[in-house]
Amino acid sequence: MITRPDLRKPQHSAGFTLLELMVVLVLIGIIFSFAVLSLKRDAWAESMQMESRRLTALLQLARDEAILTGTDVAVRFTEEDYEFMSMREGQWTAVKDDPILRQRALPSGMYLELELEGNPPDDEMSREKKKKLPQVFLLSSGEITPFTLTFRAQETEKVIVYTATLVGDLSWELVDEF
């Protein structure tokens, strides 16, 4: 018996067209772009947060030391760094013999702005006199000079506003600069 070949229509392959593949690739690219943008890191903001945490730990340590030893400790802030000071022979001098409370320089490109509660701006002469004096005092009673310290960096719109209250509460907040 002679068999006849199947006269049905040939079947199409079950693959995707080039157009379908291109649409899928474009969609994957768009989704990936949104994921990358949402995960974008601000290295300067992270660095400022790290410096804020370090300052909090150091201030708490210095305050605890002042309370335990019964001696006052102070801090002098500049735009680029800060250092802890102690009273020696009737003068405030930088702490040199303590590796923890040593002078701390900020990373290049980051700077500080200090506002003391109730202090008017200084004139040039008094500013020069006060250049080497501390601005913030950590008293043996546990009190701290109230202040606001702003961390800024050149490459970010974010700032950290750091505050200390009279009773020694320390806090900071990362905010967008207006």
Foldseek 3Di string as FASTA:
>chain_A
DDDDDDPDDDDDDPDDDPVVVVVVVVVVVVVVVVVCVVPDDDVVLVLQVVVLVLVLVLLVVQLVVCQVVVFKKFKAFDFFWIAIWGADPNDTDTDDPDPSRGIDGRPPQKTKDKDFPPDDDDDPVVCVVCNRPGDWMNHNVRFIRWMWMKMDGDPFQKIKIWIAHRNGDTDIDIDGHD
